[in-house]
Amino acid sequence: MNTQNILQLHPGWMLATGLAAIVLLSWFFWPQKGALAMIKTARATKERVHLEDALKFMFDCEYKNTPCNLNSIAGNLNIKPEKAGTLLERLLEMDLIRMNEQQISLTDTGKSYALRVIRVHRIWERYLADETSVSQTEWHNEACRIEHHVTVEDTEKLAAQMGNPVFDPHGDPIPTPGGDLPVPKGVLLSEIKEGAVGRIIHIEDEPKNIYEQLVVLGLYPGMQVYVIDISENKITFAADGEECTLTPLFASQITVELLSDEQRITQKHELLSALEIGEKAEVTGISANCRGQQRRRLMDLGIVPGSTVTVVMKSASGDPIGYRVMGTTIGIRKNQADHVFVHRKRKKENEYA
């Protein structure tokens, strides 16, 4: 039996097919909530994301006094030059940029827009670092996603809850609500001389593959560095007493503030993880690289400056380690104890373990 005969025998099928077609078309063309509306919204959102990312990049170029052109914008946004050209035309129409031959600069309106996005991004990075368990290598990407979908009002409430921080976790200053930023300071690690001593004040979080390797090395803002040796292909330095070697490219991602003789810390930190069973120590601090829930857990366990800690036991594998602090025995993983700075207490002649 052919299809025509089936339809003739079952006219209800034709009605059902027609109703299904009407429902499908209604779903597709329904105002605001239909498929077509969602496609248009997604397209508009993507365009706005590119626009805001371009403004951020152009502001960063102006702030650091580095060249900015169509190709550098396309590379930063990972889009084709043709698409970047269309984006620049749109920014010109909105009076957000100026173009003079090959030079591109922000108008006052464009600068204000860029600073709003940057403030939102850095506040959320700080929140992710201090208040969540999000991986350190994901702070930037997650903040990039959030910045395009939250309101300025919600971000300001979050900033107030955190005490209005002035730096993000990478050492970048957070613009004030009025759009003010301090003048850039410091020098790249790749540019300082042999024998110089400085404190890391910023680590660039892009490109991600370089940042991830700097994180693996344990480098973070606040560390003191002493440049030991410089050659054409590598820079060797001590970071909080630990020797480290980087290529000039990697070292150029780190900004340091040179220290005077009075500001230098000559004593190497002792780590809680280095103590043996029976040894006592006074906690002198927790590494600035220990943040969020991990930092709060250590402090809740009594690991605070001034407290006395004694190593009482180690597991068969050596991890975790049992410590006695404030009258309680606690277990701490080695990777957490690596973040705790201590000062060993030397035993007196008549003192027993």
Protein backbone atom coordinates (compact mmCIF):
# COMPACT_ATOMS: atom_id res chain seq x y z
CA MET A 1 0.00 0.00 0.00
CA ASN A 2 1.55 3.33 -1.03
CA THR A 3 1.76 6.50 1.10
CA GLN A 4 -1.13 8.19 -0.71
CA ASN A 5 -3.47 5.33 0.14
CA ILE A 6 -2.33 5.33 3.77
CA LEU A 7 -3.09 9.04 4.11
CA GLN A 8 -6.47 8.51 2.51
CA LEU A 9 -7.24 5.75 5.04
CA HIS A 10 -5.92 7.81 7.99
CA PRO A 11 -6.88 11.51 7.56
CA GLY A 12 -5.96 12.07 11.22
CA TRP A 13 -2.33 11.68 10.25
CA MET A 14 -2.57 14.71 8.00
CA LEU A 15 -4.05 16.76 10.85
CA ALA A 16 -1.33 15.60 13.23
CA THR A 17 1.40 16.42 10.68
CA GLY A 18 -0.06 19.88 10.16
CA LEU A 19 -0.27 20.55 13.89
CA ALA A 20 3.32 19.35 14.36
CA ALA A 21 4.48 21.72 11.61
CA ILE A 22 2.64 24.63 13.24
CA VAL A 23 4.17 23.83 16.64
CA LEU A 24 7.65 23.55 15.12
CA LEU A 25 7.32 26.87 13.27
CA SER A 26 5.92 28.55 16.39
CA TRP A 27 8.83 27.28 18.47
CA PHE A 28 11.32 28.51 15.89
CA PHE A 29 9.84 31.99 15.38
CA TRP A 30 8.43 32.62 18.88
CA PRO A 31 9.46 36.13 20.02
CA GLN A 32 12.26 36.28 22.66
CA LYS A 33 12.12 32.57 23.56
CA GLY A 34 12.05 30.87 20.17
CA ALA A 35 15.00 29.17 18.47
CA LEU A 36 15.54 32.10 16.09
CA ALA A 37 15.53 34.55 19.00
CA MET A 38 18.03 32.40 20.89
CA ILE A 39 20.31 32.22 17.86
CA LYS A 40 20.21 36.01 17.52
CA THR A 41 20.88 36.45 21.24
CA ALA A 42 23.84 34.06 21.13
CA ARG A 43 25.25 35.88 18.11
CA ALA A 44 24.85 39.26 19.80
CA THR A 45 26.47 37.94 22.99
CA LYS A 46 29.44 36.59 21.03
CA GLU A 47 29.86 39.93 19.28
CA ARG A 48 29.75 41.77 22.62
CA VAL A 49 32.32 39.38 24.11
CA HIS A 50 34.70 40.07 21.20
CA LEU A 51 34.07 43.80 21.54
CA GLU A 52 34.82 43.83 25.26
CA ASP A 53 37.86 41.57 24.89
CA ALA A 54 39.22 43.89 22.20
CA LEU A 55 38.75 46.94 24.44
CA LYS A 56 40.54 45.16 27.30
CA PHE A 57 43.45 44.26 25.05
CA MET A 58 43.74 47.78 23.64
CA PHE A 59 43.69 49.30 27.12
CA ASP A 60 46.41 46.87 28.24
CA CYS A 61 48.55 47.91 25.27
CA GLU A 62 48.15 51.59 26.14
CA TYR A 63 48.77 50.93 29.86
CA LYS A 64 51.99 49.04 29.10
CA ASN A 65 52.93 51.30 26.18
CA THR A 66 53.10 48.43 23.67
CA PRO A 67 52.04 48.56 19.98
CA CYS A 68 48.44 47.78 19.09
CA ASN A 69 47.27 47.03 15.54
CA LEU A 70 44.78 44.91 13.66
CA ASN A 71 47.00 41.81 13.60
CA SER A 72 47.80 41.94 17.32
CA ILE A 73 44.09 42.30 18.12
CA ALA A 74 43.23 39.36 15.85
CA GLY A 75 45.94 37.26 17.50
CA ASN A 76 44.82 38.11 21.02
CA LEU A 77 41.16 37.34 20.27
CA ASN A 78 42.09 34.28 18.19
CA ILE A 79 40.03 35.47 15.22
CA LYS A 80 40.86 36.08 11.55
CA PRO A 81 42.18 39.55 10.54
CA GLU A 82 39.09 40.04 8.36
CA LYS A 83 36.83 39.55 11.37
CA ALA A 84 39.04 41.82 13.45
CA GLY A 85 38.67 44.49 10.76
CA THR A 86 34.88 44.24 10.96
CA LEU A 87 35.10 44.48 14.74
CA LEU A 88 37.22 47.64 14.53
CA GLU A 89 34.69 49.21 12.17
CA ARG A 90 31.99 48.50 14.73
CA LEU A 91 34.09 50.06 17.52
CA LEU A 92 34.63 53.14 15.34
CA GLU A 93 30.89 53.48 14.77
CA MET A 94 30.33 53.31 18.54
CA ASP A 95 32.99 56.02 19.09
CA LEU A 96 35.01 53.68 21.31
CA ILE A 97 38.29 53.87 19.36
CA ARG A 98 40.29 56.16 17.07
CA MET A 99 42.36 54.99 14.12
CA ASN A 100 45.29 56.97 12.75
CA GLU A 101 47.05 55.13 9.92
CA GLN A 102 48.11 51.89 11.62
CA GLN A 103 47.75 53.14 15.20
CA ILE A 104 44.64 52.33 17.22
CA SER A 105 43.75 54.07 20.47
CA LEU A 106 40.77 54.23 22.80
CA THR A 107 38.50 57.24 23.13
CA ASP A 108 37.57 58.40 26.64
CA THR A 109 34.33 56.44 26.30
CA GLY A 110 36.20 53.35 25.14
CA LYS A 111 38.68 53.64 28.01
CA SER A 112 35.86 53.90 30.58
CA TYR A 113 34.15 50.85 29.07
CA ALA A 114 37.40 48.86 29.12
CA LEU A 115 38.12 49.78 32.76
CA ARG A 116 34.66 48.63 33.84
CA VAL A 117 35.24 45.22 32.27
CA ILE A 118 38.76 44.99 33.73
CA ARG A 119 37.48 45.86 37.21
CA VAL A 120 34.81 43.15 37.01
CA HIS A 121 37.36 40.61 35.74
CA ARG A 122 39.95 41.27 38.46
CA ILE A 123 37.45 41.36 41.31
CA TRP A 124 36.08 37.99 40.25
CA GLU A 125 39.62 36.60 39.88
CA ARG A 126 40.31 37.68 43.45
CA TYR A 127 37.07 36.07 44.61
CA LEU A 128 37.89 32.80 42.82
CA ALA A 129 41.37 32.76 44.38
CA ASP A 130 40.36 33.64 47.94
CA GLU A 131 36.91 32.16 48.36
CA THR A 132 36.68 29.06 46.14
CA SER A 133 38.57 25.86 45.35
CA VAL A 134 38.93 26.72 41.64
CA SER A 135 42.39 25.72 40.39
CA GLN A 136 44.96 28.51 40.23
CA THR A 137 45.46 27.93 36.51
CA GLU A 138 41.72 28.40 35.89
CA TRP A 139 41.17 31.71 37.73
CA HIS A 140 41.75 33.77 34.59
CA ASN A 141 39.63 31.70 32.21
CA GLU A 142 36.74 31.47 34.66
CA ALA A 143 36.84 35.23 35.31
CA CYS A 144 36.88 35.81 31.53
CA ARG A 145 33.67 33.82 31.27
CA ILE A 146 32.00 35.54 34.22
CA GLU A 147 32.89 39.13 33.30
CA HIS A 148 30.58 39.18 30.28
CA HIS A 149 27.52 37.84 32.13
CA VAL A 150 27.38 39.61 35.51
CA THR A 151 26.21 43.11 36.34
CA VAL A 152 28.44 45.86 37.68
CA GLU A 153 26.07 46.15 40.66
CA ASP A 154 26.54 42.50 41.65
CA THR A 155 30.30 42.84 41.27
CA GLU A 156 30.38 45.92 43.50
CA LYS A 157 28.46 44.02 46.19
CA LEU A 158 31.02 41.21 45.93
CA ALA A 159 33.91 43.69 46.18
CA ALA A 160 32.39 45.22 49.33
CA GLN A 161 32.02 41.77 50.91
CA MET A 162 35.75 41.14 50.30
CA GLY A 163 36.80 44.50 51.74
CA ASN A 164 37.30 46.21 48.36
CA PRO A 165 40.61 44.56 47.32
CA VAL A 166 43.08 46.66 45.35
CA PHE A 167 45.04 43.85 43.63
CA ASP A 168 44.03 40.65 41.88
CA PRO A 169 45.83 37.38 42.74
CA HIS A 170 48.35 37.86 39.91
CA GLY A 171 49.46 41.25 41.26
CA ASP A 172 47.51 43.40 38.79
CA PRO A 173 45.91 46.52 40.31
CA ILE A 174 42.11 46.57 40.34
CA PRO A 175 40.69 49.80 38.84
CA THR A 176 38.70 51.89 41.30
CA PRO A 177 34.95 52.33 40.67
CA GLY A 178 35.89 55.68 39.15
CA GLY A 179 38.34 54.08 36.73
CA ASP A 180 41.63 55.08 38.37
CA LEU A 181 44.74 52.90 38.11
CA PRO A 182 48.24 53.45 39.53
CA VAL A 183 51.14 54.06 37.15
CA PRO A 184 52.83 50.74 36.22
CA LYS A 185 55.92 50.01 38.28
CA GLY A 186 58.59 47.37 38.47
CA VAL A 187 60.86 45.81 35.88
CA LEU A 188 60.73 42.52 34.02
CA LEU A 189 62.78 39.72 35.56
CA SER A 190 64.37 39.22 32.15
CA GLU A 191 65.78 42.77 32.28
CA ILE A 192 67.38 43.01 35.73
CA LYS A 193 71.09 42.59 36.28
CA GLU A 194 73.04 39.76 37.84
CA GLY A 195 73.22 40.16 41.62
CA ALA A 196 70.01 42.20 41.81
CA VAL A 197 67.39 41.38 44.43
CA GLY A 198 63.69 42.03 43.93
CA ARG A 199 60.21 41.01 45.00
CA ILE A 200 57.76 39.53 42.50
CA ILE A 201 54.83 41.93 42.15
CA HIS A 202 53.12 40.48 39.07
CA ILE A 203 52.97 37.26 37.06
CA GLU A 204 51.31 37.47 33.65
CA ASP A 205 48.53 34.92 33.27
CA GLU A 206 48.57 34.81 29.46
CA PRO A 207 49.52 32.78 27.52
CA LYS A 208 48.12 30.02 29.70
CA ASN A 209 50.78 27.40 28.86
CA ILE A 210 53.57 29.64 30.17
CA TYR A 211 51.60 30.65 33.27
CA GLU A 212 50.89 27.00 34.12
CA GLN A 213 54.62 26.22 34.11
CA LEU A 214 55.38 29.22 36.33
CA VAL A 215 52.72 27.96 38.76
CA VAL A 216 54.30 24.49 38.76
CA LEU A 217 57.59 26.11 39.76
CA GLY A 218 55.83 27.61 42.78
CA LEU A 219 56.34 31.25 41.78
CA TYR A 220 53.84 33.83 43.02
CA PRO A 221 53.59 37.56 43.85
CA GLY A 222 55.37 38.39 47.10
CA MET A 223 58.34 36.04 46.64
CA GLN A 224 61.83 37.49 46.92
CA VAL A 225 64.21 36.67 44.05
CA TYR A 226 67.98 36.98 43.79
CA VAL A 227 69.49 36.81 40.30
CA ILE A 228 72.45 34.43 40.37
CA ASP A 229 73.48 34.13 36.72
CA ILE A 230 72.43 35.51 33.34
CA SER A 231 73.33 34.02 29.96
CA GLU A 232 71.92 34.38 26.46
CA ASN A 233 69.49 31.48 26.85
CA LYS A 234 68.69 31.33 30.57
CA ILE A 235 68.33 33.29 33.78
CA THR A 236 69.14 31.56 37.05
CA PHE A 237 67.81 33.01 40.28
CA ALA A 238 66.89 32.04 43.82
CA ALA A 239 63.21 32.39 44.77
CA ASP A 240 62.78 32.35 48.56
CA GLY A 241 66.07 30.44 48.69
CA GLU A 242 65.22 27.81 46.06
CA GLU A 243 67.23 27.92 42.83
CA CYS A 244 65.22 28.26 39.62
CA THR A 245 66.13 28.63 35.93
CA LEU A 246 63.97 30.23 33.22
CA THR A 247 64.38 31.18 29.60
CA PRO A 248 64.26 34.95 28.86
CA LEU A 249 60.76 34.46 27.36
CA PHE A 250 59.41 32.93 30.57
CA ALA A 251 61.26 35.47 32.74
CA SER A 252 59.63 38.29 30.76
CA GLN A 253 56.26 37.18 32.16
CA ILE A 254 57.38 38.12 35.69
CA THR A 255 57.56 41.68 37.01
CA VAL A 256 59.68 42.44 40.06
CA GLU A 257 60.23 45.45 42.28
CA LEU A 258 63.91 45.98 43.05
CA LEU A 259 64.73 45.98 46.76
CA SER A 260 67.19 48.04 48.73
CA ASP A 261 69.63 46.43 51.17
CA GLU A 262 67.30 47.31 54.07
CA GLN A 263 64.32 45.59 52.40
CA ARG A 264 66.06 42.31 51.63
CA ILE A 265 65.20 39.15 53.54
CA THR A 266 68.40 37.14 53.88
CA GLN A 267 67.05 34.27 55.97
CA LYS A 268 65.48 31.38 54.07
CA HIS A 269 62.05 30.24 55.20
CA GLU A 270 61.91 26.92 57.03
CA LEU A 271 58.93 24.80 56.05
CA LEU A 272 56.67 22.83 58.35
CA SER A 273 57.02 19.84 56.03
CA ALA A 274 60.79 19.71 56.70
CA LEU A 275 60.45 18.95 60.43
CA GLU A 276 61.20 15.47 61.76
CA ILE A 277 59.26 13.53 64.41
CA GLY A 278 59.76 15.14 67.82
CA GLU A 279 60.80 18.54 66.47
CA LYS A 280 58.97 21.69 67.57
CA ALA A 281 58.58 24.95 65.69
CA GLU A 282 56.78 28.25 65.90
CA VAL A 283 54.57 29.16 62.95
CA THR A 284 55.80 32.42 61.39
CA GLY A 285 53.34 32.62 58.51
CA ILE A 286 51.47 30.97 55.66
CA SER A 287 52.62 31.42 52.07
CA ALA A 288 50.67 33.98 50.06
CA ASN A 289 50.32 31.25 47.45
CA CYS A 290 48.05 29.31 49.83
CA ARG A 291 44.57 30.73 49.32
CA GLY A 292 40.88 30.12 49.69
CA GLN A 293 39.56 27.01 51.41
CA GLN A 294 43.03 25.50 51.86
CA ARG A 295 44.25 28.58 53.78
CA ARG A 296 41.11 28.74 55.91
CA ARG A 297 41.42 25.04 56.79
CA LEU A 298 45.00 25.48 58.02
CA MET A 299 43.98 28.47 60.15
CA ASP A 300 40.95 26.61 61.53
CA LEU A 301 43.33 23.82 62.60
CA GLY A 302 45.37 26.34 64.60
CA ILE A 303 48.15 26.95 62.07
CA VAL A 304 48.47 30.68 62.72
CA PRO A 305 51.51 32.91 63.37
CA GLY A 306 52.80 32.39 66.90
CA SER A 307 51.37 28.91 67.48
CA THR A 308 53.71 26.05 68.43
CA VAL A 309 53.61 22.89 66.34
CA THR A 310 55.21 19.53 67.18
CA VAL A 311 55.61 16.62 64.76
CA VAL A 312 54.21 13.55 66.53
CA MET A 313 53.83 10.90 63.82
CA LYS A 314 54.12 10.10 60.15
CA SER A 315 52.10 7.62 58.13
CA ALA A 316 53.85 4.66 56.48
CA SER A 317 54.04 6.60 53.21
CA GLY A 318 55.13 9.77 54.99
CA ASP A 319 51.99 11.63 53.95
CA PRO A 320 49.93 12.87 55.76
CA ILE A 321 51.90 13.93 58.83
CA GLY A 322 50.53 14.17 62.39
CA TYR A 323 51.15 17.43 64.27
CA ARG A 324 50.32 18.53 67.81
CA VAL A 325 49.00 22.09 67.92
CA MET A 326 46.94 23.85 70.61
CA GLY A 327 46.49 20.58 72.51
CA THR A 328 45.07 18.71 69.52
CA THR A 329 46.62 16.22 67.09
CA ILE A 330 45.88 17.05 63.47
CA GLY A 331 46.81 15.52 60.12
CA ILE A 332 48.18 17.70 57.32
CA ARG A 333 49.22 16.69 53.80
CA LYS A 334 52.79 17.49 52.79
CA ASN A 335 51.68 19.76 49.93
CA GLN A 336 49.79 21.83 52.53
CA ALA A 337 52.66 21.80 55.05
CA ASP A 338 54.90 23.12 52.24
CA HIS A 339 52.96 26.40 52.50
CA VAL A 340 53.59 26.89 56.24
CA PHE A 341 56.65 28.89 57.32
CA VAL A 342 58.14 28.02 60.72
CA HIS A 343 61.07 28.76 63.01
CA ARG A 344 62.55 25.65 64.61
CA LYS A 345 62.77 25.58 68.39
CA ARG A 346 66.12 24.17 69.45
CA LYS A 347 65.99 21.67 72.32
CA LYS A 348 67.50 22.64 75.60
CA GLU A 349 69.99 20.25 77.21
CA ASN A 350 67.44 18.99 79.80
CA GLU A 351 64.50 18.87 77.36
CA TYR A 352 63.21 15.56 76.01
CA ALA A 353 61.19 14.88 72.90
